[in-house]
């Protein structure tokens, strides 16, 4: 369990997350990747997502679950807060858009399913005041932040209960994808101490650096 610290909510103090998260460890086979897609392309090789509305041309369609690669792109911890970023990468050959919150359901090893609460921002971001519309060029990435805790609720002394998978439904979709709840930065599964929260999808540029993938 990561040592308890006071959790700031401002970007300047989030530097502490990097030192607390440490280096990412190798996750179990298949962790952090959507059950519907292959390994993710390096983020540095993809064009950036944009939240600016299109000024001309045909309307951009909503990104379908089948054309998105959904992964836990980064993870980290600060005191009792723990979480990461859910990445939505457009694998199609045309732009698409996402607006609003993904549906996120955390599932324990025994099958208990806990839906995440929708929030604008969390202890780990994003730096937004409202849910933007995010246009994803082919290969580009949008992300949502999810956070939970490793203290309180069902957690006491001993081994922490954990979520093993995350069932993710992109905004505007009915079909979900299943992602491992393994967090490399803390070398453990997402603790199931309390309910988790999730932000809207935002361009990656709206997020602070966090832990490791």
N, C-alpha and C. Protein backbone atom coordinates (compact mmCIF):
# COMPACT_ATOMS: atom_id res chain seq x y z
N UNK A 1 0.85 -1.20 0.00
CA UNK A 1 0.00 0.00 0.00
C UNK A 1 0.88 1.24 0.00
N UNK A 2 0.58 2.19 -0.86
CA UNK A 2 1.36 3.42 -0.94
C UNK A 2 1.13 4.25 0.30
N UNK A 3 2.19 4.88 0.84
CA UNK A 3 2.06 5.67 2.06
C UNK A 3 1.06 6.79 1.88
N UNK A 4 0.27 7.07 2.91
CA UNK A 4 -0.78 8.09 2.82
C UNK A 4 -0.18 9.47 2.83
N UNK A 5 -0.57 10.29 1.86
CA UNK A 5 -0.15 11.67 1.75
C UNK A 5 -1.35 12.54 1.52
N UNK A 6 -1.25 13.82 1.85
CA UNK A 6 -2.29 14.78 1.50
C UNK A 6 -2.30 14.94 -0.01
N UNK A 7 -3.50 14.88 -0.63
CA UNK A 7 -3.58 14.87 -2.09
C UNK A 7 -3.94 16.24 -2.62
N UNK A 8 -3.03 16.97 -3.22
CA UNK A 8 -3.36 18.25 -3.85
C UNK A 8 -4.13 18.02 -5.11
N UNK A 9 -4.87 19.01 -5.58
CA UNK A 9 -5.64 18.90 -6.81
C UNK A 9 -5.16 19.85 -7.88
N UNK A 10 -4.06 20.52 -7.68
CA UNK A 10 -3.55 21.46 -8.67
C UNK A 10 -2.41 20.85 -9.45
N UNK A 11 -2.23 21.31 -10.66
CA UNK A 11 -1.23 20.74 -11.56
C UNK A 11 0.16 20.84 -11.00
N UNK A 12 0.49 21.95 -10.29
CA UNK A 12 1.85 22.17 -9.81
C UNK A 12 2.26 21.08 -8.85
N UNK A 13 1.28 20.52 -8.07
CA UNK A 13 1.64 19.54 -7.06
C UNK A 13 1.61 18.13 -7.63
N UNK A 14 1.09 17.94 -8.83
CA UNK A 14 1.00 16.62 -9.41
C UNK A 14 2.36 16.03 -9.76
N UNK A 15 3.42 16.86 -9.67
CA UNK A 15 4.76 16.32 -9.85
C UNK A 15 5.01 15.22 -8.85
N UNK A 16 4.34 15.31 -7.66
CA UNK A 16 4.53 14.30 -6.62
C UNK A 16 4.08 12.94 -7.09
N UNK A 17 3.14 12.90 -8.02
CA UNK A 17 2.63 11.63 -8.50
C UNK A 17 3.74 10.82 -9.15
N UNK A 18 4.61 11.52 -9.89
CA UNK A 18 5.67 10.82 -10.61
C UNK A 18 6.61 10.13 -9.64
N UNK A 19 6.97 10.81 -8.55
CA UNK A 19 7.90 10.23 -7.60
C UNK A 19 7.25 9.10 -6.83
N UNK A 20 5.93 9.21 -6.54
CA UNK A 20 5.24 8.17 -5.80
C UNK A 20 4.97 6.96 -6.66
N UNK A 21 4.67 7.19 -7.96
CA UNK A 21 4.30 6.09 -8.84
C UNK A 21 5.51 5.22 -9.13
N UNK A 22 6.69 5.85 -9.30
CA UNK A 22 7.89 5.10 -9.60
C UNK A 22 7.86 4.53 -10.98
N UNK A 23 8.73 3.60 -11.24
CA UNK A 23 8.82 2.98 -12.56
C UNK A 23 7.74 1.94 -12.71
N UNK A 24 7.14 1.84 -13.89
CA UNK A 24 6.12 0.84 -14.15
C UNK A 24 6.74 -0.54 -14.18
N UNK A 25 5.98 -1.53 -13.69
CA UNK A 25 6.43 -2.91 -13.74
C UNK A 25 5.67 -3.62 -14.82
N UNK A 26 6.20 -4.74 -15.27
CA UNK A 26 5.53 -5.50 -16.31
C UNK A 26 4.23 -6.04 -15.78
N UNK A 27 3.16 -5.92 -16.56
CA UNK A 27 1.85 -6.39 -16.13
C UNK A 27 1.64 -7.80 -16.61
N UNK A 28 0.60 -8.48 -16.06
CA UNK A 28 0.27 -9.81 -16.55
C UNK A 28 -0.06 -9.77 -18.03
N UNK A 29 0.07 -10.90 -18.68
CA UNK A 29 -0.15 -10.96 -20.13
C UNK A 29 -1.50 -10.40 -20.47
N UNK A 30 -1.52 -9.49 -21.46
CA UNK A 30 -2.77 -8.92 -21.94
C UNK A 30 -3.29 -7.79 -21.12
N UNK A 31 -2.60 -7.41 -20.03
CA UNK A 31 -3.16 -6.35 -19.19
C UNK A 31 -3.07 -5.01 -19.86
N UNK A 32 -4.05 -4.15 -19.55
CA UNK A 32 -4.05 -2.79 -20.07
C UNK A 32 -4.46 -2.69 -21.51
N UNK A 33 -4.94 -3.77 -22.15
CA UNK A 33 -5.31 -3.69 -23.55
C UNK A 33 -6.74 -4.14 -23.74
N UNK A 34 -7.40 -3.52 -24.70
CA UNK A 34 -8.77 -3.88 -25.01
C UNK A 34 -8.83 -5.30 -25.52
N UNK A 35 -9.92 -6.01 -25.18
CA UNK A 35 -10.12 -7.36 -25.67
C UNK A 35 -10.44 -7.37 -27.15
N UNK A 36 -10.67 -6.22 -27.75
CA UNK A 36 -11.08 -6.16 -29.15
C UNK A 36 -9.98 -5.66 -30.07
N UNK A 37 -8.77 -5.40 -29.53
CA UNK A 37 -7.77 -4.78 -30.37
C UNK A 37 -6.38 -5.29 -30.05
N UNK A 38 -5.43 -5.00 -30.96
CA UNK A 38 -4.04 -5.41 -30.78
C UNK A 38 -3.31 -4.37 -29.98
N UNK A 39 -1.94 -4.52 -29.82
CA UNK A 39 -1.13 -3.58 -29.05
C UNK A 39 -1.19 -2.18 -29.61
N UNK A 40 -1.07 -1.20 -28.74
CA UNK A 40 -1.22 0.19 -29.15
C UNK A 40 0.02 0.71 -29.82
N UNK A 41 -0.15 1.65 -30.75
CA UNK A 41 0.98 2.31 -31.39
C UNK A 41 1.55 3.34 -30.45
N UNK A 42 2.86 3.65 -30.56
CA UNK A 42 3.44 4.68 -29.69
C UNK A 42 2.72 5.99 -29.83
N UNK A 43 2.41 6.63 -28.69
CA UNK A 43 1.66 7.88 -28.73
C UNK A 43 2.40 8.96 -29.49
N UNK A 44 3.74 8.93 -29.46
CA UNK A 44 4.51 9.99 -30.10
C UNK A 44 4.41 9.95 -31.61
N UNK A 45 3.99 8.78 -32.18
CA UNK A 45 3.91 8.68 -33.63
C UNK A 45 2.55 9.06 -34.18
N UNK A 46 1.59 9.37 -33.32
CA UNK A 46 0.23 9.64 -33.75
C UNK A 46 -0.06 11.13 -33.72
N UNK A 47 -0.91 11.62 -34.64
CA UNK A 47 -1.31 13.02 -34.58
C UNK A 47 -2.12 13.31 -33.34
N UNK A 48 -2.10 14.53 -32.89
CA UNK A 48 -2.80 14.91 -31.65
C UNK A 48 -4.30 15.04 -31.89
N UNK A 49 -5.08 14.69 -30.87
CA UNK A 49 -6.52 14.89 -30.93
C UNK A 49 -6.81 16.38 -30.77
N UNK A 50 -7.94 16.79 -31.30
CA UNK A 50 -8.31 18.20 -31.25
C UNK A 50 -9.69 18.35 -30.63
N UNK A 51 -9.88 19.41 -29.83
CA UNK A 51 -11.20 19.69 -29.27
C UNK A 51 -11.87 20.84 -30.00
N UNK A 52 -11.24 21.36 -31.05
CA UNK A 52 -11.81 22.47 -31.80
C UNK A 52 -12.86 21.95 -32.79
N UNK A 53 -14.00 22.61 -32.91
CA UNK A 53 -15.02 22.16 -33.86
C UNK A 53 -14.56 22.36 -35.30
N UNK A 54 -15.03 21.48 -36.19
CA UNK A 54 -14.71 21.62 -37.61
C UNK A 54 -15.38 22.86 -38.17
N UNK A 55 -14.69 23.54 -39.10
CA UNK A 55 -15.24 24.77 -39.68
C UNK A 55 -15.88 24.53 -41.04
N UNK A 56 -15.59 23.41 -41.68
CA UNK A 56 -16.17 23.14 -42.99
C UNK A 56 -16.12 21.65 -43.25
N UNK A 57 -16.76 21.22 -44.36
CA UNK A 57 -16.73 19.82 -44.72
C UNK A 57 -17.85 19.05 -44.06
N UNK A 58 -17.95 17.75 -44.37
CA UNK A 58 -19.03 16.92 -43.83
C UNK A 58 -18.88 16.71 -42.34
N UNK A 59 -20.00 16.38 -41.69
CA UNK A 59 -19.98 16.14 -40.25
C UNK A 59 -19.12 14.91 -39.95
N UNK A 60 -18.42 14.96 -38.84
CA UNK A 60 -17.56 13.85 -38.43
C UNK A 60 -18.40 12.87 -37.62
N UNK A 61 -18.33 11.59 -37.97
CA UNK A 61 -19.14 10.57 -37.31
C UNK A 61 -18.61 10.26 -35.91
N UNK A 62 -19.49 9.75 -35.07
CA UNK A 62 -19.09 9.29 -33.74
C UNK A 62 -18.16 8.09 -33.88
N UNK A 63 -17.11 8.04 -33.06
CA UNK A 63 -16.19 6.89 -33.07
C UNK A 63 -16.92 5.66 -32.54
N UNK A 64 -16.87 4.58 -33.29
CA UNK A 64 -17.49 3.33 -32.86
C UNK A 64 -16.51 2.52 -32.03
N UNK A 65 -17.05 1.74 -31.11
CA UNK A 65 -16.20 0.90 -30.27
C UNK A 65 -15.30 0.01 -31.12
N UNK A 66 -15.84 -0.50 -32.22
CA UNK A 66 -15.09 -1.42 -33.08
C UNK A 66 -13.89 -0.77 -33.76
N UNK A 67 -13.88 0.57 -33.87
CA UNK A 67 -12.75 1.23 -34.53
C UNK A 67 -11.80 1.88 -33.53
N UNK A 68 -12.04 1.66 -32.24
CA UNK A 68 -11.19 2.25 -31.21
C UNK A 68 -10.36 1.18 -30.52
N UNK A 69 -9.10 1.49 -30.29
CA UNK A 69 -8.26 0.66 -29.44
C UNK A 69 -8.30 1.28 -28.05
N UNK A 70 -8.81 0.54 -27.08
CA UNK A 70 -9.03 1.06 -25.74
C UNK A 70 -8.05 0.41 -24.78
N UNK A 71 -7.24 1.21 -24.10
CA UNK A 71 -6.22 0.71 -23.20
C UNK A 71 -6.10 1.61 -21.97
N UNK A 72 -5.46 1.10 -20.92
CA UNK A 72 -5.01 1.95 -19.83
C UNK A 72 -3.64 2.47 -20.26
N UNK A 73 -3.58 3.74 -20.60
CA UNK A 73 -2.36 4.29 -21.18
C UNK A 73 -1.32 4.69 -20.14
N UNK A 74 -1.77 5.18 -18.99
CA UNK A 74 -0.87 5.59 -17.91
C UNK A 74 -1.53 5.26 -16.57
N UNK A 75 -0.73 5.16 -15.52
CA UNK A 75 -1.29 4.92 -14.19
C UNK A 75 -0.41 5.59 -13.14
N UNK A 76 -0.94 5.76 -11.93
CA UNK A 76 -0.16 6.41 -10.88
C UNK A 76 -0.90 6.41 -9.56
N UNK A 77 -0.23 6.91 -8.52
CA UNK A 77 -0.81 6.99 -7.19
C UNK A 77 -0.24 8.19 -6.47
N UNK A 78 -1.04 8.76 -5.56
CA UNK A 78 -0.60 9.85 -4.69
C UNK A 78 -1.35 9.69 -3.38
N UNK A 79 -0.65 9.24 -2.32
CA UNK A 79 -1.33 8.94 -1.08
C UNK A 79 -2.35 7.85 -1.31
N UNK A 80 -3.57 7.99 -0.81
CA UNK A 80 -4.58 6.95 -1.01
C UNK A 80 -5.22 6.97 -2.40
N UNK A 81 -5.00 8.02 -3.17
CA UNK A 81 -5.60 8.09 -4.51
C UNK A 81 -4.79 7.26 -5.50
N UNK A 82 -5.48 6.52 -6.34
CA UNK A 82 -4.82 5.69 -7.34
C UNK A 82 -5.71 5.64 -8.58
N UNK A 83 -5.11 5.57 -9.75
CA UNK A 83 -5.91 5.53 -10.97
C UNK A 83 -5.05 5.60 -12.21
N UNK A 84 -5.63 6.10 -13.28
CA UNK A 84 -4.90 6.16 -14.54
C UNK A 84 -5.71 6.83 -15.64
N UNK A 85 -5.21 6.68 -16.85
CA UNK A 85 -5.84 7.25 -18.04
C UNK A 85 -6.35 6.13 -18.92
N UNK A 86 -7.59 6.25 -19.38
CA UNK A 86 -8.15 5.35 -20.38
C UNK A 86 -7.93 5.97 -21.75
N UNK A 87 -7.22 5.27 -22.61
CA UNK A 87 -6.95 5.80 -23.95
C UNK A 87 -7.92 5.25 -24.98
N UNK A 88 -8.34 6.13 -25.90
CA UNK A 88 -9.22 5.77 -27.02
C UNK A 88 -8.51 6.17 -28.30
N UNK A 89 -7.90 5.19 -28.98
CA UNK A 89 -7.14 5.49 -30.20
C UNK A 89 -7.96 5.12 -31.44
N UNK A 90 -8.05 6.06 -32.38
CA UNK A 90 -8.80 5.83 -33.62
C UNK A 90 -7.97 4.97 -34.56
N UNK A 91 -8.42 3.75 -34.81
CA UNK A 91 -7.70 2.84 -35.71
C UNK A 91 -8.28 2.85 -37.13
N UNK A 92 -9.28 3.68 -37.38
CA UNK A 92 -9.90 3.75 -38.70
C UNK A 92 -9.10 4.69 -39.61
N UNK A 93 -9.53 4.79 -40.86
CA UNK A 93 -8.83 5.63 -41.84
C UNK A 93 -9.48 7.00 -42.00
N UNK A 94 -10.53 7.28 -41.25
CA UNK A 94 -11.21 8.57 -41.31
C UNK A 94 -11.33 9.14 -39.90
N UNK A 95 -11.43 10.47 -39.78
CA UNK A 95 -11.62 11.06 -38.45
C UNK A 95 -12.94 10.63 -37.84
N UNK A 96 -13.00 10.65 -36.52
CA UNK A 96 -14.25 10.41 -35.82
C UNK A 96 -14.23 11.26 -34.55
N UNK A 97 -15.34 11.30 -33.84
CA UNK A 97 -15.41 12.19 -32.69
C UNK A 97 -15.97 11.48 -31.47
N UNK A 98 -15.56 11.97 -30.29
CA UNK A 98 -16.08 11.50 -29.01
C UNK A 98 -16.46 12.72 -28.18
N UNK A 99 -17.59 12.69 -27.52
CA UNK A 99 -18.02 13.80 -26.69
C UNK A 99 -18.72 13.26 -25.45
N UNK A 100 -18.22 13.62 -24.28
CA UNK A 100 -18.84 13.20 -23.03
C UNK A 100 -18.08 12.10 -22.33
N UNK A 101 -18.80 11.40 -21.47
CA UNK A 101 -18.20 10.41 -20.58
C UNK A 101 -18.28 9.00 -21.14
N UNK A 102 -17.24 8.21 -21.00
CA UNK A 102 -17.40 6.78 -21.26
C UNK A 102 -18.16 6.15 -20.10
N UNK A 103 -18.86 5.07 -20.38
CA UNK A 103 -19.41 4.25 -19.30
C UNK A 103 -18.29 3.33 -18.83
N UNK A 104 -18.00 3.38 -17.53
CA UNK A 104 -16.91 2.58 -16.97
C UNK A 104 -17.45 1.75 -15.81
N UNK A 105 -17.29 0.44 -15.91
CA UNK A 105 -17.74 -0.47 -14.86
C UNK A 105 -16.54 -1.29 -14.42
N UNK A 106 -16.21 -1.21 -13.13
CA UNK A 106 -15.09 -1.99 -12.58
C UNK A 106 -15.62 -3.31 -12.06
N UNK A 107 -14.92 -4.41 -12.39
CA UNK A 107 -15.39 -5.74 -12.05
C UNK A 107 -14.35 -6.45 -11.18
N UNK A 108 -14.78 -6.98 -10.04
CA UNK A 108 -13.88 -7.69 -9.12
C UNK A 108 -13.64 -9.11 -9.63
N UNK A 109 -12.71 -9.81 -8.96
CA UNK A 109 -12.42 -11.18 -9.33
C UNK A 109 -13.59 -12.12 -9.11
N UNK A 110 -14.53 -11.74 -8.24
CA UNK A 110 -15.70 -12.57 -7.98
C UNK A 110 -16.90 -12.17 -8.84
N UNK A 111 -16.70 -11.17 -9.71
CA UNK A 111 -17.76 -10.78 -10.63
C UNK A 111 -18.62 -9.62 -10.20
N UNK A 112 -18.35 -9.03 -9.04
CA UNK A 112 -19.12 -7.85 -8.61
C UNK A 112 -18.78 -6.68 -9.53
N UNK A 113 -19.80 -6.01 -10.06
CA UNK A 113 -19.61 -4.92 -11.02
C UNK A 113 -20.02 -3.59 -10.39
N UNK A 114 -19.10 -2.65 -10.38
CA UNK A 114 -19.33 -1.34 -9.75
C UNK A 114 -19.19 -0.25 -10.80
N UNK A 115 -20.27 0.49 -11.13
CA UNK A 115 -20.16 1.56 -12.12
C UNK A 115 -19.42 2.77 -11.56
N UNK A 116 -18.68 3.44 -12.42
CA UNK A 116 -17.94 4.64 -12.02
C UNK A 116 -18.86 5.86 -12.04
N UNK A 117 -18.58 6.79 -11.14
CA UNK A 117 -19.30 8.05 -11.09
C UNK A 117 -18.72 9.01 -12.12
N UNK A 118 -19.57 9.76 -12.83
CA UNK A 118 -19.10 10.74 -13.81
C UNK A 118 -18.76 12.06 -13.11
N UNK A 119 -17.55 12.54 -13.33
CA UNK A 119 -17.10 13.82 -12.76
C UNK A 119 -16.41 14.62 -13.85
N UNK A 120 -16.28 15.92 -13.66
CA UNK A 120 -15.56 16.76 -14.63
C UNK A 120 -14.06 16.55 -14.52
N UNK A 121 -13.57 16.49 -13.28
CA UNK A 121 -12.13 16.32 -13.08
C UNK A 121 -11.89 15.48 -11.83
N UNK A 122 -10.66 14.99 -11.68
CA UNK A 122 -10.28 14.14 -10.56
C UNK A 122 -8.97 14.66 -9.98
N UNK A 123 -8.44 13.96 -8.99
CA UNK A 123 -7.15 14.33 -8.41
C UNK A 123 -6.03 14.28 -9.45
N UNK A 124 -6.24 13.54 -10.53
CA UNK A 124 -5.24 13.41 -11.59
C UNK A 124 -5.63 14.16 -12.87
N UNK A 125 -6.58 15.09 -12.79
CA UNK A 125 -7.02 15.84 -13.97
C UNK A 125 -8.34 15.29 -14.48
N UNK A 126 -8.77 15.78 -15.67
CA UNK A 126 -8.10 16.68 -16.62
C UNK A 126 -8.32 18.16 -16.27
N UNK A 127 -7.61 19.02 -16.98
CA UNK A 127 -7.70 20.46 -16.76
C UNK A 127 -8.76 21.04 -17.69
N UNK A 128 -10.02 20.75 -17.41
CA UNK A 128 -11.14 21.24 -18.22
C UNK A 128 -12.25 21.72 -17.29
N UNK A 129 -13.14 22.57 -17.83
CA UNK A 129 -14.29 23.07 -17.08
C UNK A 129 -15.59 22.43 -17.54
N UNK A 130 -15.57 21.80 -18.71
CA UNK A 130 -16.76 21.14 -19.27
C UNK A 130 -16.29 20.05 -20.21
N UNK A 131 -17.20 19.13 -20.54
CA UNK A 131 -16.85 18.03 -21.44
C UNK A 131 -16.71 18.55 -22.87
N UNK A 132 -15.52 18.42 -23.49
CA UNK A 132 -15.35 18.90 -24.85
C UNK A 132 -15.78 17.87 -25.89
N UNK A 133 -15.92 18.31 -27.12
CA UNK A 133 -16.04 17.37 -28.23
C UNK A 133 -14.65 17.16 -28.79
N UNK A 134 -14.22 15.91 -28.84
CA UNK A 134 -12.85 15.58 -29.24
C UNK A 134 -12.88 14.90 -30.60
N UNK A 135 -12.21 15.51 -31.57
CA UNK A 135 -12.10 14.91 -32.91
C UNK A 135 -10.78 14.16 -32.99
N UNK A 136 -10.87 12.86 -33.33
CA UNK A 136 -9.69 12.01 -33.43
C UNK A 136 -9.35 11.75 -34.89
N UNK A 137 -8.21 12.26 -35.31
CA UNK A 137 -7.71 11.92 -36.64
C UNK A 137 -7.29 10.44 -36.63
N UNK A 138 -7.14 9.83 -37.79
CA UNK A 138 -6.68 8.44 -37.81
C UNK A 138 -5.37 8.28 -37.02
N UNK A 139 -5.36 7.35 -36.10
CA UNK A 139 -4.17 7.10 -35.29
C UNK A 139 -4.04 7.95 -34.04
N UNK A 140 -4.90 8.97 -33.87
CA UNK A 140 -4.75 9.85 -32.72
C UNK A 140 -5.51 9.33 -31.50
N UNK A 141 -5.20 9.94 -30.35
CA UNK A 141 -5.62 9.42 -29.06
C UNK A 141 -6.38 10.46 -28.25
N UNK A 142 -7.53 10.07 -27.70
CA UNK A 142 -8.22 10.85 -26.68
C UNK A 142 -8.18 10.04 -25.39
N UNK A 143 -8.30 10.71 -24.24
CA UNK A 143 -8.17 9.98 -22.98
C UNK A 143 -9.19 10.47 -21.95
N UNK A 144 -9.57 9.59 -21.05
CA UNK A 144 -10.40 9.92 -19.89
C UNK A 144 -9.64 9.48 -18.65
N UNK A 145 -9.84 10.19 -17.54
CA UNK A 145 -9.14 9.89 -16.29
C UNK A 145 -10.06 9.09 -15.37
N UNK A 146 -9.53 8.04 -14.76
CA UNK A 146 -10.30 7.33 -13.74
C UNK A 146 -9.49 7.27 -12.45
N UNK A 147 -10.16 7.40 -11.32
CA UNK A 147 -9.48 7.35 -10.02
C UNK A 147 -10.30 6.56 -9.02
N UNK A 148 -9.59 5.89 -8.13
CA UNK A 148 -10.18 5.20 -7.01
C UNK A 148 -9.34 5.46 -5.78
N UNK A 149 -9.42 4.59 -4.79
CA UNK A 149 -8.64 4.79 -3.58
C UNK A 149 -8.20 3.47 -2.99
N UNK A 150 -7.12 3.51 -2.23
CA UNK A 150 -6.62 2.32 -1.57
C UNK A 150 -6.75 2.41 -0.05
N UNK A 151 -7.74 3.19 0.39
CA UNK A 151 -8.05 3.30 1.81
C UNK A 151 -9.54 3.59 1.95
N UNK A 152 -10.11 3.21 3.10
CA UNK A 152 -11.52 3.46 3.34
C UNK A 152 -12.39 2.39 2.73
N UNK A 153 -13.68 2.56 2.88
CA UNK A 153 -14.63 1.62 2.30
C UNK A 153 -14.40 0.20 2.82
N UNK A 154 -14.23 -0.74 1.90
CA UNK A 154 -14.06 -2.15 2.26
C UNK A 154 -12.64 -2.50 2.64
N UNK A 155 -11.71 -1.54 2.63
CA UNK A 155 -10.30 -1.83 2.89
C UNK A 155 -9.93 -1.60 4.34
N UNK A 156 -9.31 -2.60 4.93
CA UNK A 156 -8.75 -2.48 6.26
C UNK A 156 -7.32 -2.97 6.22
N UNK A 157 -6.91 -3.72 7.20
CA UNK A 157 -5.58 -4.29 7.19
C UNK A 157 -5.56 -5.54 6.32
N UNK A 158 -4.37 -5.94 5.92
CA UNK A 158 -4.24 -7.14 5.10
C UNK A 158 -4.27 -6.83 3.62
N UNK A 159 -4.54 -7.85 2.83
CA UNK A 159 -4.54 -7.72 1.37
C UNK A 159 -5.73 -6.90 0.90
N UNK A 160 -5.46 -5.96 -0.01
CA UNK A 160 -6.54 -5.13 -0.52
C UNK A 160 -7.41 -5.91 -1.50
N UNK A 161 -8.73 -5.74 -1.43
CA UNK A 161 -9.58 -6.27 -2.50
C UNK A 161 -9.32 -5.46 -3.76
N UNK A 162 -9.47 -6.08 -4.92
CA UNK A 162 -9.13 -5.38 -6.16
C UNK A 162 -10.17 -5.60 -7.24
N UNK A 163 -10.21 -4.64 -8.17
CA UNK A 163 -10.93 -4.82 -9.43
C UNK A 163 -9.97 -5.50 -10.40
N UNK A 164 -10.45 -6.46 -11.17
CA UNK A 164 -9.59 -7.17 -12.11
C UNK A 164 -9.75 -6.70 -13.55
N UNK A 165 -10.94 -6.24 -13.91
CA UNK A 165 -11.16 -5.75 -15.26
C UNK A 165 -11.99 -4.47 -15.23
N UNK A 166 -11.90 -3.73 -16.32
CA UNK A 166 -12.69 -2.52 -16.51
C UNK A 166 -13.50 -2.71 -17.79
N UNK A 167 -14.81 -2.58 -17.67
CA UNK A 167 -15.69 -2.68 -18.84
C UNK A 167 -15.97 -1.26 -19.32
N UNK A 168 -15.51 -0.94 -20.52
CA UNK A 168 -15.52 0.43 -21.02
C UNK A 168 -16.41 0.55 -22.25
N UNK A 169 -17.34 1.50 -22.20
CA UNK A 169 -18.18 1.80 -23.36
C UNK A 169 -17.92 3.24 -23.76
N UNK A 170 -17.37 3.49 -24.96
CA UNK A 170 -17.08 4.86 -25.38
C UNK A 170 -18.35 5.70 -25.46
N UNK A 171 -18.23 7.02 -25.32
CA UNK A 171 -19.40 7.90 -25.45
C UNK A 171 -20.13 7.66 -26.77
N UNK A 172 -21.46 7.64 -26.70
CA UNK A 172 -22.26 7.49 -27.92
C UNK A 172 -22.35 6.07 -28.43
N UNK A 173 -21.92 5.08 -27.64
CA UNK A 173 -21.93 3.68 -28.07
C UNK A 173 -22.70 2.82 -27.08
N UNK A 174 -23.12 1.64 -27.54
CA UNK A 174 -23.75 0.66 -26.67
C UNK A 174 -22.85 -0.55 -26.46
N UNK A 175 -21.87 -0.72 -27.33
CA UNK A 175 -20.97 -1.87 -27.25
C UNK A 175 -19.76 -1.53 -26.38
N UNK A 176 -19.38 -2.46 -25.50
CA UNK A 176 -18.27 -2.22 -24.59
C UNK A 176 -17.06 -3.06 -24.98
N UNK A 177 -15.92 -2.69 -24.39
CA UNK A 177 -14.69 -3.46 -24.50
C UNK A 177 -14.17 -3.71 -23.10
N UNK A 178 -13.47 -4.81 -22.90
CA UNK A 178 -12.96 -5.15 -21.58
C UNK A 178 -11.45 -4.93 -21.54
N UNK A 179 -11.00 -4.21 -20.51
CA UNK A 179 -9.61 -3.84 -20.33
C UNK A 179 -9.15 -4.34 -18.96
N UNK A 180 -7.91 -4.78 -18.85
CA UNK A 180 -7.40 -5.20 -17.55
C UNK A 180 -7.30 -4.01 -16.61
N UNK A 181 -7.57 -4.23 -15.33
CA UNK A 181 -7.46 -3.17 -14.32
C UNK A 181 -6.07 -3.15 -13.67
N UNK A 182 -5.10 -3.81 -14.28
CA UNK A 182 -3.73 -3.80 -13.77
C UNK A 182 -3.11 -2.43 -13.98
N UNK A 183 -2.48 -1.88 -12.93
CA UNK A 183 -1.83 -0.58 -12.99
C UNK A 183 -0.32 -0.76 -12.84
N UNK A 184 0.41 -0.55 -13.93
CA UNK A 184 1.86 -0.77 -13.91
C UNK A 184 2.56 0.08 -12.86
N UNK A 185 2.14 1.32 -12.70
CA UNK A 185 2.86 2.25 -11.83
C UNK A 185 2.83 1.84 -10.37
N UNK A 186 1.81 1.10 -9.96
CA UNK A 186 1.74 0.65 -8.57
C UNK A 186 1.91 -0.86 -8.45
N UNK A 187 2.16 -1.51 -9.60
CA UNK A 187 2.43 -2.95 -9.64
C UNK A 187 1.31 -3.75 -8.97
N UNK A 188 0.09 -3.37 -9.27
CA UNK A 188 -1.06 -4.03 -8.63
C UNK A 188 -2.32 -3.72 -9.43
N UNK A 189 -3.37 -4.48 -9.15
CA UNK A 189 -4.67 -4.17 -9.73
C UNK A 189 -5.29 -2.98 -9.00
N UNK A 190 -6.22 -2.31 -9.66
CA UNK A 190 -6.92 -1.18 -9.08
C UNK A 190 -7.63 -1.60 -7.79
N UNK A 191 -7.32 -0.96 -6.66
CA UNK A 191 -7.97 -1.34 -5.40
C UNK A 191 -9.49 -1.16 -5.46
N UNK A 192 -10.20 -2.09 -4.82
CA UNK A 192 -11.67 -2.04 -4.79
C UNK A 192 -12.15 -1.56 -3.43
N UNK A 193 -11.44 -0.57 -2.88
CA UNK A 193 -11.82 -0.05 -1.56
C UNK A 193 -13.06 0.82 -1.63
N UNK A 194 -13.11 1.70 -2.63
CA UNK A 194 -14.22 2.64 -2.78
C UNK A 194 -14.63 2.66 -4.25
N UNK A 195 -15.75 3.30 -4.52
CA UNK A 195 -16.20 3.45 -5.91
C UNK A 195 -15.21 4.32 -6.67
N UNK A 196 -15.15 4.14 -7.97
CA UNK A 196 -14.23 4.92 -8.79
C UNK A 196 -14.99 6.03 -9.52
N UNK A 197 -14.22 7.01 -10.00
CA UNK A 197 -14.78 8.13 -10.77
C UNK A 197 -14.11 8.18 -12.13
N UNK A 198 -14.81 8.74 -13.12
CA UNK A 198 -14.24 8.85 -14.45
C UNK A 198 -14.60 10.21 -15.04
N UNK A 199 -13.65 10.81 -15.75
CA UNK A 199 -13.84 12.11 -16.39
C UNK A 199 -14.35 11.93 -17.81
N UNK A 200 -14.76 13.04 -18.47
CA UNK A 200 -15.07 12.94 -19.90
C UNK A 200 -13.80 12.68 -20.71
N UNK A 201 -13.98 12.27 -21.94
CA UNK A 201 -12.84 12.11 -22.86
C UNK A 201 -12.34 13.49 -23.24
N UNK A 202 -11.02 13.67 -23.20
CA UNK A 202 -10.40 14.95 -23.54
C UNK A 202 -9.20 14.69 -24.43
N UNK A 203 -8.71 15.72 -25.14
CA UNK A 203 -7.44 15.55 -25.86
C UNK A 203 -6.32 15.26 -24.88
N UNK A 204 -5.36 14.46 -25.27
CA UNK A 204 -4.25 14.11 -24.39
C UNK A 204 -3.50 15.34 -23.90
N UNK A 205 -3.50 16.42 -24.68
CA UNK A 205 -2.80 17.64 -24.29
C UNK A 205 -3.41 18.28 -23.05
N UNK A 206 -4.64 17.92 -22.70
CA UNK A 206 -5.30 18.47 -21.51
C UNK A 206 -4.92 17.75 -20.23
N UNK A 207 -4.07 16.71 -20.34
CA UNK A 207 -3.72 15.89 -19.20
C UNK A 207 -2.29 16.13 -18.75
N UNK A 208 -2.04 15.90 -17.46
CA UNK A 208 -0.70 16.02 -16.90
C UNK A 208 0.03 14.69 -17.07
N UNK A 209 1.37 14.72 -17.15
CA UNK A 209 2.12 13.44 -17.15
C UNK A 209 1.79 12.66 -15.90
N UNK A 210 1.64 11.36 -16.02
CA UNK A 210 1.24 10.54 -14.88
C UNK A 210 1.92 9.19 -14.94
N UNK A 211 2.70 8.88 -13.92
CA UNK A 211 3.25 7.54 -13.74
C UNK A 211 3.83 6.91 -14.99
N UNK A 212 3.49 5.66 -15.22
CA UNK A 212 3.98 4.92 -16.36
C UNK A 212 2.84 4.14 -16.99
N UNK A 213 3.07 3.67 -18.21
CA UNK A 213 2.02 2.95 -18.92
C UNK A 213 1.83 1.57 -18.35
